[in-house]
Amino acid sequence: FIWMVIPGLLLVSSVRTIARTFAAFDKMTLALKKGTNGHAKGSKKE
């Protein structure tokens, strides 16, 4: 059962780490898109 407990804890840790990484990546991607769109609109106004 040791091979149920410790791998279970490590599995949860890895899933959480990957989930946080994708969340941060999605947030960064969204921010870059907003920044790109804002720059494009500013260029049109000029």
All heavy atoms as atom14 arrays in JSON, in Angstrom:
{
  "sequence": "FIWMVIPGLLLVSSVRTIARTFAAFDKMTLALKKGTNGHAKGSKKE",
  "atom14_mask": [
    [1, 1, 1, 1, 1, 1, 1, 1, 1, 1, 1, 0, 0, 0],
    [1, 1, 1, 1, 1, 1, 1, 1, 0, 0, 0, 0, 0, 0],
    [1, 1, 1, 1, 1, 1, 1, 1, 1, 1, 1, 1, 1, 1],
    [1, 1, 1, 1, 1, 1, 1, 1, 0, 0, 0, 0, 0, 0],
    [1, 1, 1, 1, 1, 1, 1, 0, 0, 0, 0, 0, 0, 0],
    [1, 1, 1, 1, 1, 1, 1, 1, 0, 0, 0, 0, 0, 0],
    [1, 1, 1, 1, 1, 1, 1, 0, 0, 0, 0, 0, 0, 0],
    [1, 1, 1, 1, 0, 0, 0, 0, 0, 0, 0, 0, 0, 0],
    [1, 1, 1, 1, 1, 1, 1, 1, 0, 0, 0, 0, 0, 0],
    [1, 1, 1, 1, 1, 1, 1, 1, 0, 0, 0, 0, 0, 0],
    [1, 1, 1, 1, 1, 1, 1, 1, 0, 0, 0, 0, 0, 0],
    [1, 1, 1, 1, 1, 1, 1, 0, 0, 0, 0, 0, 0, 0],
    [1, 1, 1, 1, 1, 1, 0, 0, 0, 0, 0, 0, 0, 0],
    [1, 1, 1, 1, 1, 1, 0, 0, 0, 0, 0, 0, 0, 0],
    [1, 1, 1, 1, 1, 1, 1, 0, 0, 0, 0, 0, 0, 0],
    [1, 1, 1, 1, 1, 1, 1, 1, 1, 1, 1, 0, 0, 0],
    [1, 1, 1, 1, 1, 1, 1, 0, 0, 0, 0, 0, 0, 0],
    [1, 1, 1, 1, 1, 1, 1, 1, 0, 0, 0, 0, 0, 0],
    [1, 1, 1, 1, 1, 0, 0, 0, 0, 0, 0, 0, 0, 0],
    [1, 1, 1, 1, 1, 1, 1, 1, 1, 1, 1, 0, 0, 0],
    [1, 1, 1, 1, 1, 1, 1, 0, 0, 0, 0, 0, 0, 0],
    [1, 1, 1, 1, 1, 1, 1, 1, 1, 1, 1, 0, 0, 0],
    [1, 1, 1, 1, 1, 0, 0, 0, 0, 0, 0, 0, 0, 0],
    [1, 1, 1, 1, 1, 0, 0, 0, 0, 0, 0, 0, 0, 0],
    [1, 1, 1, 1, 1, 1, 1, 1, 1, 1, 1, 0, 0, 0],
    [1, 1, 1, 1, 1, 1, 1, 1, 0, 0, 0, 0, 0, 0],
    [1, 1, 1, 1, 1, 1, 1, 1, 1, 0, 0, 0, 0, 0],
    [1, 1, 1, 1, 1, 1, 1, 1, 0, 0, 0, 0, 0, 0],
    [1, 1, 1, 1, 1, 1, 1, 0, 0, 0, 0, 0, 0, 0],
    [1, 1, 1, 1, 1, 1, 1, 1, 0, 0, 0, 0, 0, 0],
    [1, 1, 1, 1, 1, 0, 0, 0, 0, 0, 0, 0, 0, 0],
    [1, 1, 1, 1, 1, 1, 1, 1, 0, 0, 0, 0, 0, 0],
    [1, 1, 1, 1, 1, 1, 1, 1, 1, 0, 0, 0, 0, 0],
    [1, 1, 1, 1, 1, 1, 1, 1, 1, 0, 0, 0, 0, 0],
    [1, 1, 1, 1, 0, 0, 0, 0, 0, 0, 0, 0, 0, 0],
    [1, 1, 1, 1, 1, 1, 1, 0, 0, 0, 0, 0, 0, 0],
    [1, 1, 1, 1, 1, 1, 1, 1, 0, 0, 0, 0, 0, 0],
    [1, 1, 1, 1, 0, 0, 0, 0, 0, 0, 0, 0, 0, 0],
    [1, 1, 1, 1, 1, 1, 1, 1, 1, 1, 0, 0, 0, 0],
    [1, 1, 1, 1, 1, 0, 0, 0, 0, 0, 0, 0, 0, 0],
    [1, 1, 1, 1, 1, 1, 1, 1, 1, 0, 0, 0, 0, 0],
    [1, 1, 1, 1, 0, 0, 0, 0, 0, 0, 0, 0, 0, 0],
    [1, 1, 1, 1, 1, 1, 0, 0, 0, 0, 0, 0, 0, 0],
    [1, 1, 1, 1, 1, 1, 1, 1, 1, 0, 0, 0, 0, 0],
    [1, 1, 1, 1, 1, 1, 1, 1, 1, 0, 0, 0, 0, 0],
    [1, 1, 1, 1, 1, 1, 1, 1, 1, 0, 0, 0, 0, 0]
  ],
  "atom14_positions": [
    [[0.82, -1.22, 0.0], [0.0, 0.0, 0.0], [0.85, 1.26, 0.0], [0.35, 2.35, -0.35], [-0.95, 0.0, 1.21], [-2.1, 0.95, 1.06], [-3.11, 0.7, 0.14], [-2.18, 2.09, 1.83], [-4.17, 1.57, 0.0], [-3.25, 2.97, 1.71], [-4.25, 2.71, 0.78], [0.0, 0.0, 0.0], [0.0, 0.0, 0.0], [0.0, 0.0, 0.0]],
    [[2.11, 1.14, 0.37], [3.03, 2.29, 0.27], [3.04, 2.83, -1.15], [3.13, 4.04, -1.38], [4.45, 1.89, 0.71], [4.46, 1.5, 2.19], [5.45, 3.01, 0.45], [5.76, 0.88, 2.66], [0.0, 0.0, 0.0], [0.0, 0.0, 0.0], [0.0, 0.0, 0.0], [0.0, 0.0, 0.0], [0.0, 0.0, 0.0], [0.0, 0.0, 0.0]],
    [[2.93, 1.9, -2.14], [2.93, 2.31, -3.54], [1.57, 2.82, -4.01], [1.39, 3.09, -5.19], [3.41, 1.15, -4.42], [4.9, 1.15, -4.54], [5.66, 1.76, -5.5], [5.83, 0.53, -3.64], [6.99, 1.56, -5.26], [7.13, 0.8, -4.13], [5.69, -0.24, -2.48], [8.28, 0.34, -3.49], [6.82, -0.69, -1.85], [8.1, -0.41, -2.34]],
    [[0.65, 2.98, -3.09], [-0.58, 3.69, -3.37], [-0.51, 5.09, -2.75], [-0.91, 6.08, -3.38], [-1.79, 2.94, -2.79], [-3.14, 3.58, -3.08], [-3.57, 3.62, -4.84], [-3.87, 1.88, -5.13], [0.0, 0.0, 0.0], [0.0, 0.0, 0.0], [0.0, 0.0, 0.0], [0.0, 0.0, 0.0], [0.0, 0.0, 0.0], [0.0, 0.0, 0.0]],
    [[0.03, 5.18, -1.55], [0.04, 6.44, -0.82], [1.02, 7.44, -1.43], [0.64, 8.56, -1.82], [0.38, 6.21, 0.67], [0.5, 7.55, 1.41], [-0.69, 5.35, 1.34], [0.0, 0.0, 0.0], [0.0, 0.0, 0.0], [0.0, 0.0, 0.0], [0.0, 0.0, 0.0], [0.0, 0.0, 0.0], [0.0, 0.0, 0.0], [0.0, 0.0, 0.0]],
    [[2.29, 7.07, -1.52], [3.3, 8.02, -1.99], [3.11, 8.38, -3.47], [3.13, 9.58, -3.82], [4.72, 7.5, -1.71], [4.92, 7.33, -0.21], [5.77, 8.45, -2.28], [6.27, 6.82, 0.21], [0.0, 0.0, 0.0], [0.0, 0.0, 0.0], [0.0, 0.0, 0.0], [0.0, 0.0, 0.0], [0.0, 0.0, 0.0], [0.0, 0.0, 0.0]],
    [[2.91, 7.41, -4.38], [2.61, 7.81, -5.75], [1.34, 8.66, -5.85], [1.27, 9.55, -6.7], [2.43, 6.47, -6.48], [3.28, 5.53, -5.71], [3.11, 5.95, -4.28], [0.0, 0.0, 0.0], [0.0, 0.0, 0.0], [0.0, 0.0, 0.0], [0.0, 0.0, 0.0], [0.0, 0.0, 0.0], [0.0, 0.0, 0.0], [0.0, 0.0, 0.0]],
    [[0.36, 8.41, -4.99], [-0.85, 9.23, -5.0], [-0.54, 10.68, -4.66], [-1.05, 11.61, -5.32], [0.0, 0.0, 0.0], [0.0, 0.0, 0.0], [0.0, 0.0, 0.0], [0.0, 0.0, 0.0], [0.0, 0.0, 0.0], [0.0, 0.0, 0.0], [0.0, 0.0, 0.0], [0.0, 0.0, 0.0], [0.0, 0.0, 0.0], [0.0, 0.0, 0.0]],
    [[0.29, 10.89, -3.65], [0.67, 12.26, -3.27], [1.48, 12.93, -4.38], [1.26, 14.11, -4.7], [1.48, 12.22, -1.97], [0.74, 11.76, -0.72], [1.71, 11.63, 0.46], [-0.38, 12.74, -0.37], [0.0, 0.0, 0.0], [0.0, 0.0, 0.0], [0.0, 0.0, 0.0], [0.0, 0.0, 0.0], [0.0, 0.0, 0.0], [0.0, 0.0, 0.0]],
    [[2.4, 12.18, -4.98], [3.21, 12.74, -6.07], [2.36, 13.02, -7.3], [2.59, 14.0, -8.02], [4.34, 11.77, -6.42], [5.44, 11.64, -5.36], [6.35, 10.46, -5.68], [6.26, 12.92, -5.27], [0.0, 0.0, 0.0], [0.0, 0.0, 0.0], [0.0, 0.0, 0.0], [0.0, 0.0, 0.0], [0.0, 0.0, 0.0], [0.0, 0.0, 0.0]],
    [[1.37, 12.18, -7.55], [0.46, 12.4, -8.68], [-0.32, 13.7, -8.5], [-0.41, 14.52, -9.43], [-0.5, 11.22, -8.8], [-1.61, 11.34, -9.85], [-1.03, 11.45, -11.24], [-2.55, 10.13, -9.75], [0.0, 0.0, 0.0], [0.0, 0.0, 0.0], [0.0, 0.0, 0.0], [0.0, 0.0, 0.0], [0.0, 0.0, 0.0], [0.0, 0.0, 0.0]],
    [[-0.86, 13.9, -7.31], [-1.61, 15.14, -7.03], [-0.69, 16.35, -7.19], [-1.08, 17.38, -7.77], [-2.2, 15.09, -5.6], [-2.77, 16.46, -5.21], [-3.28, 14.03, -5.51], [0.0, 0.0, 0.0], [0.0, 0.0, 0.0], [0.0, 0.0, 0.0], [0.0, 0.0, 0.0], [0.0, 0.0, 0.0], [0.0, 0.0, 0.0], [0.0, 0.0, 0.0]],
    [[0.54, 16.24, -6.7], [1.49, 17.34, -6.8], [1.78, 17.7, -8.26], [1.79, 18.88, -8.64], [2.79, 16.97, -6.09], [3.78, 17.97, -6.27], [0.0, 0.0, 0.0], [0.0, 0.0, 0.0], [0.0, 0.0, 0.0], [0.0, 0.0, 0.0], [0.0, 0.0, 0.0], [0.0, 0.0, 0.0], [0.0, 0.0, 0.0], [0.0, 0.0, 0.0]],
    [[1.99, 16.68, -9.09], [2.28, 16.93, -10.51], [1.08, 17.52, -11.24], [1.24, 18.43, -12.06], [2.72, 15.62, -11.19], [4.01, 15.25, -10.79], [0.0, 0.0, 0.0], [0.0, 0.0, 0.0], [0.0, 0.0, 0.0], [0.0, 0.0, 0.0], [0.0, 0.0, 0.0], [0.0, 0.0, 0.0], [0.0, 0.0, 0.0], [0.0, 0.0, 0.0]],
    [[-0.09, 17.01, -10.95], [-1.31, 17.54, -11.6], [-1.5, 19.0, -11.23], [-1.8, 19.85, -12.09], [-2.54, 16.71, -11.2], [-3.83, 17.41, -11.65], [-2.47, 15.31, -11.8], [0.0, 0.0, 0.0], [0.0, 0.0, 0.0], [0.0, 0.0, 0.0], [0.0, 0.0, 0.0], [0.0, 0.0, 0.0], [0.0, 0.0, 0.0], [0.0, 0.0, 0.0]],
    [[-1.3, 19.34, -9.97], [-1.45, 20.73, -9.53], [-0.39, 21.62, -10.18], [-0.69, 22.75, -10.6], [-1.35, 20.81, -8.01], [-2.57, 20.28, -7.28], [-2.38, 20.35, -5.77], [-3.59, 19.98, -5.06], [-3.68, 19.85, -3.74], [-2.6, 20.06, -2.98], [-4.82, 19.52, -3.18], [0.0, 0.0, 0.0], [0.0, 0.0, 0.0], [0.0, 0.0, 0.0]],
    [[0.83, 21.12, -10.29], [1.9, 21.9, -10.89], [1.61, 22.19, -12.35], [1.76, 23.32, -12.83], [3.25, 21.16, -10.77], [3.56, 20.99, -9.39], [4.36, 21.95, -11.44], [0.0, 0.0, 0.0], [0.0, 0.0, 0.0], [0.0, 0.0, 0.0], [0.0, 0.0, 0.0], [0.0, 0.0, 0.0], [0.0, 0.0, 0.0], [0.0, 0.0, 0.0]],
    [[1.17, 21.16, -13.08], [0.85, 21.35, -14.5], [-0.35, 22.27, -14.66], [-0.38, 23.12, -15.56], [0.6, 19.98, -15.16], [1.92, 19.2, -15.25], [-0.03, 20.16, -16.55], [1.78, 17.8, -15.8], [0.0, 0.0, 0.0], [0.0, 0.0, 0.0], [0.0, 0.0, 0.0], [0.0, 0.0, 0.0], [0.0, 0.0, 0.0], [0.0, 0.0, 0.0]],
    [[-1.35, 22.13, -13.78], [-2.53, 22.99, -13.85], [-2.14, 24.46, -13.61], [-2.61, 25.36, -14.33], [-3.56, 22.56, -12.82], [0.0, 0.0, 0.0], [0.0, 0.0, 0.0], [0.0, 0.0, 0.0], [0.0, 0.0, 0.0], [0.0, 0.0, 0.0], [0.0, 0.0, 0.0], [0.0, 0.0, 0.0], [0.0, 0.0, 0.0], [0.0, 0.0, 0.0]],
    [[-1.28, 24.7, -12.61], [-0.83, 26.08, -12.35], [-0.03, 26.63, -13.52], [-0.17, 27.81, -13.89], [0.02, 26.12, -11.08], [-0.76, 25.97, -9.78], [0.09, 26.39, -8.59], [1.3, 25.58, -8.48], [1.41, 24.5, -7.74], [0.35, 24.07, -7.06], [2.54, 23.83, -7.69], [0.0, 0.0, 0.0], [0.0, 0.0, 0.0], [0.0, 0.0, 0.0]],
    [[0.78, 25.76, -14.13], [1.6, 26.21, -15.27], [0.73, 26.61, -16.45], [0.95, 27.64, -17.08], [2.57, 25.09, -15.69], [3.4, 24.75, -14.57], [3.44, 25.54, -16.84], [0.0, 0.0, 0.0], [0.0, 0.0, 0.0], [0.0, 0.0, 0.0], [0.0, 0.0, 0.0], [0.0, 0.0, 0.0], [0.0, 0.0, 0.0], [0.0, 0.0, 0.0]],
    [[-0.28, 25.8, -16.75], [-1.17, 26.12, -17.85], [-2.01, 27.36, -17.54], [-2.28, 28.17, -18.44], [-2.09, 24.93, -18.16], [-1.5, 23.98, -19.17], [-0.88, 22.81, -18.76], [-1.54, 24.27, -20.52], [-0.33, 21.94, -19.67], [-0.99, 23.4, -21.45], [-0.37, 22.23, -21.03], [0.0, 0.0, 0.0], [0.0, 0.0, 0.0], [0.0, 0.0, 0.0]],
    [[-2.42, 27.51, -16.28], [-3.18, 28.7, -15.9], [-2.34, 29.95, -16.09], [-2.82, 30.97, -16.61], [-3.64, 28.58, -14.46], [0.0, 0.0, 0.0], [0.0, 0.0, 0.0], [0.0, 0.0, 0.0], [0.0, 0.0, 0.0], [0.0, 0.0, 0.0], [0.0, 0.0, 0.0], [0.0, 0.0, 0.0], [0.0, 0.0, 0.0], [0.0, 0.0, 0.0]],
    [[-1.08, 29.89, -15.68], [-0.18, 31.03, -15.84], [0.08, 31.31, -17.32], [0.13, 32.47, -17.75], [1.13, 30.77, -15.11], [0.0, 0.0, 0.0], [0.0, 0.0, 0.0], [0.0, 0.0, 0.0], [0.0, 0.0, 0.0], [0.0, 0.0, 0.0], [0.0, 0.0, 0.0], [0.0, 0.0, 0.0], [0.0, 0.0, 0.0], [0.0, 0.0, 0.0]],
    [[0.24, 30.24, -18.11], [0.47, 30.39, -19.55], [-0.73, 31.03, -20.22], [-0.59, 31.94, -21.06], [0.78, 29.04, -20.17], [0.96, 29.08, -21.66], [2.15, 29.54, -22.21], [-0.06, 28.68, -22.51], [2.32, 29.6, -23.59], [0.11, 28.73, -23.88], [1.3, 29.18, -24.43], [0.0, 0.0, 0.0], [0.0, 0.0, 0.0], [0.0, 0.0, 0.0]],
    [[-1.94, 30.55, -19.87], [-3.16, 31.12, -20.46], [-3.31, 32.58, -20.09], [-3.73, 33.42, -20.91], [-4.38, 30.33, -19.99], [-4.43, 28.93, -20.58], [-3.74, 28.69, -21.58], [-5.16, 28.08, -20.01], [0.0, 0.0, 0.0], [0.0, 0.0, 0.0], [0.0, 0.0, 0.0], [0.0, 0.0, 0.0], [0.0, 0.0, 0.0], [0.0, 0.0, 0.0]],
    [[-2.97, 32.92, -18.85], [-3.07, 34.3, -18.38], [-2.09, 35.19, -19.14], [-2.42, 36.31, -19.56], [-2.79, 34.36, -16.88], [-3.0, 35.74, -16.26], [-2.8, 35.69, -14.76], [-3.03, 37.05, -14.13], [-2.83, 37.01, -12.65], [0.0, 0.0, 0.0], [0.0, 0.0, 0.0], [0.0, 0.0, 0.0], [0.0, 0.0, 0.0], [0.0, 0.0, 0.0]],
    [[-0.87, 34.68, -19.33], [0.14, 35.44, -20.06], [-0.26, 35.61, -21.53], [-0.1, 36.69, -22.11], [1.48, 34.73, -19.97], [2.62, 35.46, -20.67], [4.19, 34.57, -20.54], [3.81, 33.11, -21.54], [0.0, 0.0, 0.0], [0.0, 0.0, 0.0], [0.0, 0.0, 0.0], [0.0, 0.0, 0.0], [0.0, 0.0, 0.0], [0.0, 0.0, 0.0]],
    [[-0.8, 34.53, -22.12], [-1.24, 34.6, -23.52], [-2.35, 35.62, -23.7], [-2.36, 36.4, -24.66], [-1.73, 33.22, -24.0], [-0.68, 32.26, -23.84], [-2.15, 33.26, -25.45], [0.0, 0.0, 0.0], [0.0, 0.0, 0.0], [0.0, 0.0, 0.0], [0.0, 0.0, 0.0], [0.0, 0.0, 0.0], [0.0, 0.0, 0.0], [0.0, 0.0, 0.0]],
    [[-3.3, 35.62, -22.76], [-4.4, 36.59, -22.81], [-3.88, 38.01, -22.69], [-4.34, 38.91, -23.4], [-5.4, 36.28, -21.7], [-6.66, 37.17, -21.65], [-7.46, 37.02, -22.95], [-7.53, 36.79, -20.45], [0.0, 0.0, 0.0], [0.0, 0.0, 0.0], [0.0, 0.0, 0.0], [0.0, 0.0, 0.0], [0.0, 0.0, 0.0], [0.0, 0.0, 0.0]],
    [[-2.93, 38.21, -21.79], [-2.36, 39.55, -21.59], [-1.63, 40.02, -22.85], [-1.73, 41.19, -23.25], [-1.41, 39.54, -20.4], [0.0, 0.0, 0.0], [0.0, 0.0, 0.0], [0.0, 0.0, 0.0], [0.0, 0.0, 0.0], [0.0, 0.0, 0.0], [0.0, 0.0, 0.0], [0.0, 0.0, 0.0], [0.0, 0.0, 0.0], [0.0, 0.0, 0.0]],
    [[-0.91, 39.11, -23.52], [-0.2, 39.46, -24.75], [-1.18, 39.82, -25.86], [-0.94, 40.75, -26.64], [0.69, 38.29, -25.18], [1.95, 38.05, -24.34], [2.65, 36.78, -24.79], [2.9, 39.25, -24.47], [0.0, 0.0, 0.0], [0.0, 0.0, 0.0], [0.0, 0.0, 0.0], [0.0, 0.0, 0.0], [0.0, 0.0, 0.0], [0.0, 0.0, 0.0]],
    [[-2.3, 39.05, -25.92], [-3.32, 39.35, -26.95], [-3.91, 40.73, -26.72], [-4.12, 41.49, -27.66], [-4.41, 38.28, -26.92], [-3.98, 36.95, -27.52], [-5.14, 35.97, -27.53], [-4.73, 34.65, -28.17], [-5.86, 33.68, -28.16], [0.0, 0.0, 0.0], [0.0, 0.0, 0.0], [0.0, 0.0, 0.0], [0.0, 0.0, 0.0], [0.0, 0.0, 0.0]],
    [[-4.23, 41.04, -25.44], [-4.79, 42.35, -25.13], [-3.81, 43.45, -25.47], [-4.17, 44.5, -26.01], [-5.17, 42.41, -23.65], [-6.4, 41.59, -23.29], [-6.74, 41.75, -21.82], [-8.0, 40.97, -21.46], [-8.34, 41.11, -20.02], [0.0, 0.0, 0.0], [0.0, 0.0, 0.0], [0.0, 0.0, 0.0], [0.0, 0.0, 0.0], [0.0, 0.0, 0.0]],
    [[-2.53, 43.19, -25.16], [-1.51, 44.18, -25.45], [-1.35, 44.4, -26.94], [-1.22, 45.53, -27.41], [0.0, 0.0, 0.0], [0.0, 0.0, 0.0], [0.0, 0.0, 0.0], [0.0, 0.0, 0.0], [0.0, 0.0, 0.0], [0.0, 0.0, 0.0], [0.0, 0.0, 0.0], [0.0, 0.0, 0.0], [0.0, 0.0, 0.0], [0.0, 0.0, 0.0]],
    [[-1.41, 43.33, -27.71], [-1.28, 43.42, -29.17], [-2.46, 44.14, -29.77], [-2.32, 45.0, -30.64], [-1.17, 42.01, -29.78], [-0.04, 41.33, -29.2], [-0.99, 42.09, -31.28], [0.0, 0.0, 0.0], [0.0, 0.0, 0.0], [0.0, 0.0, 0.0], [0.0, 0.0, 0.0], [0.0, 0.0, 0.0], [0.0, 0.0, 0.0], [0.0, 0.0, 0.0]],
    [[-3.68, 43.81, -29.28], [-4.89, 44.48, -29.79], [-4.89, 45.96, -29.45], [-5.28, 46.8, -30.26], [-6.13, 43.81, -29.21], [-6.32, 42.4, -29.75], [-5.82, 42.07, -30.81], [-7.04, 41.57, -29.0], [0.0, 0.0, 0.0], [0.0, 0.0, 0.0], [0.0, 0.0, 0.0], [0.0, 0.0, 0.0], [0.0, 0.0, 0.0], [0.0, 0.0, 0.0]],
    [[-4.45, 46.28, -28.23], [-4.4, 47.68, -27.83], [-3.42, 48.47, -28.66], [-3.69, 49.61, -29.06], [0.0, 0.0, 0.0], [0.0, 0.0, 0.0], [0.0, 0.0, 0.0], [0.0, 0.0, 0.0], [0.0, 0.0, 0.0], [0.0, 0.0, 0.0], [0.0, 0.0, 0.0], [0.0, 0.0, 0.0], [0.0, 0.0, 0.0], [0.0, 0.0, 0.0]],
    [[-2.29, 47.87, -28.98], [-1.3, 48.55, -29.81], [-1.81, 48.75, -31.23], [-1.6, 49.79, -31.83], [-0.02, 47.7, -29.84], [1.06, 48.29, -30.69], [1.78, 49.41, -30.3], [1.55, 47.92, -31.93], [2.67, 49.69, -31.24], [2.54, 48.82, -32.24], [0.0, 0.0, 0.0], [0.0, 0.0, 0.0], [0.0, 0.0, 0.0], [0.0, 0.0, 0.0]],
    [[-2.54, 47.73, -31.73], [-3.09, 47.83, -33.09], [-4.13, 48.95, -33.16], [-4.17, 49.71, -34.12], [-3.69, 46.49, -33.5], [0.0, 0.0, 0.0], [0.0, 0.0, 0.0], [0.0, 0.0, 0.0], [0.0, 0.0, 0.0], [0.0, 0.0, 0.0], [0.0, 0.0, 0.0], [0.0, 0.0, 0.0], [0.0, 0.0, 0.0], [0.0, 0.0, 0.0]],
    [[-5.01, 49.06, -32.16], [-6.03, 50.11, -32.13], [-5.38, 51.48, -32.04], [-5.82, 52.44, -32.68], [-6.97, 49.89, -30.96], [-7.89, 48.67, -31.12], [-8.79, 48.51, -29.91], [-9.72, 47.3, -30.09], [-10.58, 47.11, -28.9], [0.0, 0.0, 0.0], [0.0, 0.0, 0.0], [0.0, 0.0, 0.0], [0.0, 0.0, 0.0], [0.0, 0.0, 0.0]],
    [[-4.35, 51.58, -31.23], [-3.65, 52.86, -31.11], [-3.02, 53.28, -32.41], [-3.04, 54.46, -32.78], [0.0, 0.0, 0.0], [0.0, 0.0, 0.0], [0.0, 0.0, 0.0], [0.0, 0.0, 0.0], [0.0, 0.0, 0.0], [0.0, 0.0, 0.0], [0.0, 0.0, 0.0], [0.0, 0.0, 0.0], [0.0, 0.0, 0.0], [0.0, 0.0, 0.0]],
    [[-2.49, 52.34, -33.16], [-1.86, 52.64, -34.46], [-2.91, 53.13, -35.45], [-2.67, 54.05, -36.22], [-1.17, 51.39, -34.99], [-0.15, 50.96, -34.1], [0.0, 0.0, 0.0], [0.0, 0.0, 0.0], [0.0, 0.0, 0.0], [0.0, 0.0, 0.0], [0.0, 0.0, 0.0], [0.0, 0.0, 0.0], [0.0, 0.0, 0.0], [0.0, 0.0, 0.0]],
    [[-4.13, 52.53, -35.41], [-5.21, 52.94, -36.33], [-5.63, 54.38, -36.05], [-5.9, 55.15, -36.93], [-6.38, 52.0, -36.2], [-6.12, 50.62, -36.81], [-7.35, 49.73, -36.65], [-7.07, 48.36, -37.26], [-8.25, 47.47, -37.11], [0.0, 0.0, 0.0], [0.0, 0.0, 0.0], [0.0, 0.0, 0.0], [0.0, 0.0, 0.0], [0.0, 0.0, 0.0]],
    [[-5.72, 54.74, -34.74], [-6.12, 56.08, -34.37], [-5.12, 57.12, -34.87], [-5.47, 58.2, -35.33], [-6.28, 56.2, -32.86], [-7.5, 55.48, -32.32], [-7.61, 55.64, -30.81], [-8.86, 54.95, -30.29], [-8.96, 55.11, -28.82], [0.0, 0.0, 0.0], [0.0, 0.0, 0.0], [0.0, 0.0, 0.0], [0.0, 0.0, 0.0], [0.0, 0.0, 0.0]],
    [[-3.84, 56.78, -34.79], [-2.8, 57.69, -35.25], [-2.92, 57.93, -36.74], [-2.7, 59.02, -37.26], [-1.42, 57.15, -34.91], [-1.13, 57.17, -33.4], [0.2, 56.55, -33.06], [0.91, 56.15, -34.03], [0.55, 56.47, -31.89], [0.0, 0.0, 0.0], [0.0, 0.0, 0.0], [0.0, 0.0, 0.0], [0.0, 0.0, 0.0], [0.0, 0.0, 0.0]]
  ]
}
